[in-house]
Amino acid sequence: MAGISTLDAVKIQARAVGPIVKALEARIGEQAAHELVRGAIAESWADHVAPRQAGNDHPRDDDNDFPVESVIVTDTDDEYRVNMVRCQFADYFRATGQPEIGALLTCGVDFAVNRRVHPDWEFTRTQTLMMGAEHCNFCWKRKAAESAP
């Protein structure tokens, strides 16, 4: 969206998606609702991002305008670790008492996007600022090349 920040776009999205999530939780349960919404949003975002990012490149080369502050922990040809120490998405959703919605709209897309954008890399993240951790721990490791028989 021209003229609107990514943070503002996510805030607008939350106003629309939040009530849908709550209705789905009431109808099909929290876990099923979150799985459904997370999957739909993640795949939609991956569809949007994948063509804009060159696949199989190094994760350090990703182009994004996310309102975050990160510290690089490891940066080699085969491993890239980043601790995200500040995230305005997390600040907003935690302040509004909606970290679960924030996680669906933001954190929940990371795995789907990385599968598409970096298929030669294994991506892990075990904690997020959104859900109360001290930092988000992003880690990419290049997958070992399969040996020929």
C-alpha atoms as a PDB file:
ATOM      1  CA  MET A   1       0.000   0.000   0.000  1.00  0.00           C
ATOM      2  CA  ALA A   2       1.497   3.274  -1.088  1.00  0.00           C
ATOM      3  CA  GLY A   3       1.813   5.827   1.663  1.00  0.00           C
ATOM      4  CA  ILE A   4       1.029   3.485   4.539  1.00  0.00           C
ATOM      5  CA  SER A   5       3.564   1.802   6.778  1.00  0.00           C
ATOM      6  CA  THR A   6       3.651  -1.946   7.260  1.00  0.00           C
ATOM      7  CA  LEU A   7       2.751  -1.422  10.929  1.00  0.00           C
ATOM      8  CA  ASP A   8      -0.318   0.645  10.036  1.00  0.00           C
ATOM      9  CA  ALA A   9      -1.369  -1.905   7.422  1.00  0.00           C
ATOM     10  CA  VAL A  10      -1.196  -4.674  10.047  1.00  0.00           C
ATOM     11  CA  LYS A  11      -3.229  -2.553  12.491  1.00  0.00           C
ATOM     12  CA  ILE A  12      -5.930  -2.155   9.840  1.00  0.00           C
ATOM     13  CA  GLN A  13      -5.810  -5.870   9.087  1.00  0.00           C
ATOM     14  CA  ALA A  14      -6.199  -6.629  12.807  1.00  0.00           C
ATOM     15  CA  ARG A  15      -9.395  -4.569  12.990  1.00  0.00           C
ATOM     16  CA  ALA A  16     -10.911  -6.785  10.297  1.00  0.00           C
ATOM     17  CA  VAL A  17      -9.407 -10.142  11.235  1.00  0.00           C
ATOM     18  CA  GLY A  18      -9.778  -9.872  15.028  1.00  0.00           C
ATOM     19  CA  PRO A  19     -13.576 -10.171  15.070  1.00  0.00           C
ATOM     20  CA  ILE A  20     -13.437 -13.025  12.549  1.00  0.00           C
ATOM     21  CA  VAL A  21     -10.977 -14.911  14.765  1.00  0.00           C
ATOM     22  CA  LYS A  22     -13.206 -14.377  17.820  1.00  0.00           C
ATOM     23  CA  ALA A  23     -16.264 -15.653  15.920  1.00  0.00           C
ATOM     24  CA  LEU A  24     -14.344 -18.699  14.699  1.00  0.00           C
ATOM     25  CA  GLU A  25     -13.073 -19.400  18.226  1.00  0.00           C
ATOM     26  CA  ALA A  26     -16.666 -19.416  19.481  1.00  0.00           C
ATOM     27  CA  ARG A  27     -17.812 -21.666  16.642  1.00  0.00           C
ATOM     28  CA  ILE A  28     -14.975 -24.183  16.203  1.00  0.00           C
ATOM     29  CA  GLY A  29     -12.691 -23.655  19.198  1.00  0.00           C
ATOM     30  CA  GLU A  30      -9.587 -21.580  19.755  1.00  0.00           C
ATOM     31  CA  GLN A  31      -7.009 -24.053  18.466  1.00  0.00           C
ATOM     32  CA  ALA A  32      -8.881 -24.878  15.257  1.00  0.00           C
ATOM     33  CA  ALA A  33      -9.663 -21.202  14.637  1.00  0.00           C
ATOM     34  CA  HIS A  34      -6.041 -20.171  15.077  1.00  0.00           C
ATOM     35  CA  GLU A  35      -4.765 -22.978  12.836  1.00  0.00           C
ATOM     36  CA  LEU A  36      -7.240 -22.002  10.109  1.00  0.00           C
ATOM     37  CA  VAL A  37      -6.505 -18.276  10.246  1.00  0.00           C
ATOM     38  CA  ARG A  38      -2.730 -18.717  10.658  1.00  0.00           C
ATOM     39  CA  GLY A  39      -2.590 -21.030   7.643  1.00  0.00           C
ATOM     40  CA  ALA A  40      -4.659 -18.753   5.426  1.00  0.00           C
ATOM     41  CA  ILE A  41      -2.754 -15.608   6.346  1.00  0.00           C
ATOM     42  CA  ALA A  42       0.649 -17.292   6.159  1.00  0.00           C
ATOM     43  CA  GLU A  43       0.056 -18.736   2.698  1.00  0.00           C
ATOM     44  CA  SER A  44      -1.436 -15.476   1.443  1.00  0.00           C
ATOM     45  CA  TRP A  45       1.559 -13.496   2.709  1.00  0.00           C
ATOM     46  CA  ALA A  46       3.974 -16.076   1.261  1.00  0.00           C
ATOM     47  CA  ASP A  47       2.213 -15.706  -2.121  1.00  0.00           C
ATOM     48  CA  HIS A  48       2.707 -11.938  -1.858  1.00  0.00           C
ATOM     49  CA  VAL A  49       6.344 -11.990  -0.690  1.00  0.00           C
ATOM     50  CA  ALA A  50       7.860 -14.903  -2.626  1.00  0.00           C
ATOM     51  CA  PRO A  51       7.870 -13.234  -6.065  1.00  0.00           C
ATOM     52  CA  ARG A  52       9.536 -10.158  -4.549  1.00  0.00           C
ATOM     53  CA  GLN A  53      12.402 -12.055  -2.924  1.00  0.00           C
ATOM     54  CA  ALA A  54      15.046 -13.924  -4.875  1.00  0.00           C
ATOM     55  CA  GLY A  55      14.822 -17.565  -3.820  1.00  0.00           C
ATOM     56  CA  ASN A  56      17.778 -19.598  -2.615  1.00  0.00           C
ATOM     57  CA  ASP A  57      19.743 -16.516  -1.618  1.00  0.00           C
ATOM     58  CA  HIS A  58      21.113 -15.824   1.832  1.00  0.00           C
ATOM     59  CA  PRO A  59      18.504 -14.758   4.419  1.00  0.00           C
ATOM     60  CA  ARG A  60      20.616 -11.691   5.254  1.00  0.00           C
ATOM     61  CA  ASP A  61      19.703 -10.326   1.819  1.00  0.00           C
ATOM     62  CA  ASP A  62      15.945 -10.233   2.461  1.00  0.00           C
ATOM     63  CA  ASP A  63      14.346  -6.919   1.674  1.00  0.00           C
ATOM     64  CA  ASN A  64      11.720  -5.822   4.192  1.00  0.00           C
ATOM     65  CA  ASP A  65      10.514  -2.687   5.862  1.00  0.00           C
ATOM     66  CA  PHE A  66       9.433  -4.190   9.155  1.00  0.00           C
ATOM     67  CA  PRO A  67       9.518  -1.930  12.231  1.00  0.00           C
ATOM     68  CA  VAL A  68      11.998  -4.044  14.189  1.00  0.00           C
ATOM     69  CA  GLU A  69      15.458  -3.840  15.732  1.00  0.00           C
ATOM     70  CA  SER A  70      17.710  -6.870  15.479  1.00  0.00           C
ATOM     71  CA  VAL A  71      21.126  -8.022  16.600  1.00  0.00           C
ATOM     72  CA  ILE A  72      23.044 -10.381  14.327  1.00  0.00           C
ATOM     73  CA  VAL A  73      24.375 -13.297  16.353  1.00  0.00           C
ATOM     74  CA  THR A  74      25.919 -15.407  13.564  1.00  0.00           C
ATOM     75  CA  ASP A  75      26.511 -14.516   9.922  1.00  0.00           C
ATOM     76  CA  THR A  76      28.306 -17.112   7.805  1.00  0.00           C
ATOM     77  CA  ASP A  77      27.667 -18.619   4.382  1.00  0.00           C
ATOM     78  CA  ASP A  78      25.831 -21.551   5.997  1.00  0.00           C
ATOM     79  CA  GLU A  79      24.247 -20.115   9.141  1.00  0.00           C
ATOM     80  CA  TYR A  80      22.480 -16.896   9.994  1.00  0.00           C
ATOM     81  CA  ARG A  81      21.135 -16.157  13.479  1.00  0.00           C
ATOM     82  CA  VAL A  82      19.371 -12.974  14.473  1.00  0.00           C
ATOM     83  CA  ASN A  83      17.855 -11.947  17.767  1.00  0.00           C
ATOM     84  CA  MET A  84      15.045  -9.484  17.233  1.00  0.00           C
ATOM     85  CA  VAL A  85      15.182  -7.311  20.337  1.00  0.00           C
ATOM     86  CA  ARG A  86      12.447  -4.796  19.522  1.00  0.00           C
ATOM     87  CA  CYS A  87       9.300  -5.196  17.459  1.00  0.00           C
ATOM     88  CA  GLN A  88       6.672  -2.523  17.035  1.00  0.00           C
ATOM     89  CA  PHE A  89       4.154  -5.190  16.036  1.00  0.00           C
ATOM     90  CA  ALA A  90       4.662  -6.877  19.425  1.00  0.00           C
ATOM     91  CA  ASP A  91       4.579  -3.523  21.225  1.00  0.00           C
ATOM     92  CA  TYR A  92       1.229  -2.673  19.624  1.00  0.00           C
ATOM     93  CA  PHE A  93      -0.508  -6.025  20.069  1.00  0.00           C
ATOM     94  CA  ARG A  94       0.732  -6.531  23.621  1.00  0.00           C
ATOM     95  CA  ALA A  95      -0.383  -2.987  24.551  1.00  0.00           C
ATOM     96  CA  THR A  96      -3.856  -3.697  23.162  1.00  0.00           C
ATOM     97  CA  GLY A  97      -4.066  -7.057  24.928  1.00  0.00           C
ATOM     98  CA  GLN A  98      -4.172  -8.996  21.652  1.00  0.00           C
ATOM     99  CA  PRO A  99      -0.831 -10.791  21.317  1.00  0.00           C
ATOM    100  CA  GLU A 100      -2.558 -13.910  19.963  1.00  0.00           C
ATOM    101  CA  ILE A 101      -4.051 -11.900  17.083  1.00  0.00           C
ATOM    102  CA  GLY A 102      -0.671 -10.250  16.506  1.00  0.00           C
ATOM    103  CA  ALA A 103       1.014 -13.637  16.407  1.00  0.00           C
ATOM    104  CA  LEU A 104      -1.465 -14.846  13.769  1.00  0.00           C
ATOM    105  CA  LEU A 105      -0.956 -11.763  11.599  1.00  0.00           C
ATOM    106  CA  THR A 106       2.800 -11.338  11.912  1.00  0.00           C
ATOM    107  CA  CYS A 107       4.829 -14.091  13.599  1.00  0.00           C
ATOM    108  CA  GLY A 108       2.662 -16.821  12.105  1.00  0.00           C
ATOM    109  CA  VAL A 109       3.768 -16.084   8.559  1.00  0.00           C
ATOM    110  CA  ASP A 110       7.486 -16.628   9.124  1.00  0.00           C
ATOM    111  CA  PHE A 111       7.613 -20.368   8.521  1.00  0.00           C
ATOM    112  CA  ALA A 112       5.499 -20.325   5.336  1.00  0.00           C
ATOM    113  CA  VAL A 113       7.447 -17.411   3.888  1.00  0.00           C
ATOM    114  CA  ASN A 114      10.797 -19.000   4.659  1.00  0.00           C
ATOM    115  CA  ARG A 115       9.755 -22.321   3.085  1.00  0.00           C
ATOM    116  CA  ARG A 116       9.010 -20.437  -0.133  1.00  0.00           C
ATOM    117  CA  VAL A 117      11.723 -17.800  -0.168  1.00  0.00           C
ATOM    118  CA  HIS A 118      14.593 -19.898   1.208  1.00  0.00           C
ATOM    119  CA  PRO A 119      13.907 -23.537   0.270  1.00  0.00           C
ATOM    120  CA  ASP A 120      17.589 -24.420   0.681  1.00  0.00           C
ATOM    121  CA  TRP A 121      17.618 -23.213   4.286  1.00  0.00           C
ATOM    122  CA  GLU A 122      16.157 -24.718   7.453  1.00  0.00           C
ATOM    123  CA  PHE A 123      14.388 -22.029   9.472  1.00  0.00           C
ATOM    124  CA  THR A 124      13.681 -22.203  13.202  1.00  0.00           C
ATOM    125  CA  ARG A 125      12.342 -19.814  15.785  1.00  0.00           C
ATOM    126  CA  THR A 126      11.367 -20.986  19.248  1.00  0.00           C
ATOM    127  CA  GLN A 127      10.309 -17.774  20.967  1.00  0.00           C
ATOM    128  CA  THR A 128       8.832 -14.372  20.165  1.00  0.00           C
ATOM    129  CA  LEU A 129       8.580 -10.965  21.727  1.00  0.00           C
ATOM    130  CA  MET A 130       4.887 -11.099  20.816  1.00  0.00           C
ATOM    131  CA  MET A 131       4.295 -13.926  23.256  1.00  0.00           C
ATOM    132  CA  GLY A 132       6.447 -12.432  26.022  1.00  0.00           C
ATOM    133  CA  ALA A 133       9.994 -13.640  25.322  1.00  0.00           C
ATOM    134  CA  GLU A 134      13.008 -11.371  25.782  1.00  0.00           C
ATOM    135  CA  HIS A 135      13.692 -11.561  22.038  1.00  0.00           C
ATOM    136  CA  CYS A 136      12.706 -13.483  18.919  1.00  0.00           C
ATOM    137  CA  ASN A 137      15.390 -16.022  18.025  1.00  0.00           C
ATOM    138  CA  PHE A 138      15.523 -16.413  14.248  1.00  0.00           C
ATOM    139  CA  CYS A 139      17.894 -19.056  12.911  1.00  0.00           C
ATOM    140  CA  TRP A 140      18.604 -20.196   9.385  1.00  0.00           C
ATOM    141  CA  LYS A 141      20.948 -23.078   8.536  1.00  0.00           C
ATOM    142  CA  ARG A 142      21.738 -24.068   5.009  1.00  0.00           C
ATOM    143  CA  LYS A 143      20.431 -27.552   4.278  1.00  0.00           C
ATOM    144  CA  ALA A 144      23.142 -30.069   3.538  1.00  0.00           C
ATOM    145  CA  ALA A 145      23.414 -30.925  -0.125  1.00  0.00           C
ATOM    146  CA  GLU A 146      22.098 -34.410  -0.776  1.00  0.00           C
ATOM    147  CA  SER A 147      24.890 -36.727  -1.735  1.00  0.00           C
ATOM    148  CA  ALA A 148      24.660 -38.626  -4.970  1.00  0.00           C
ATOM    149  CA  PRO A 149      24.341 -42.445  -4.694  1.00  0.00           C
END
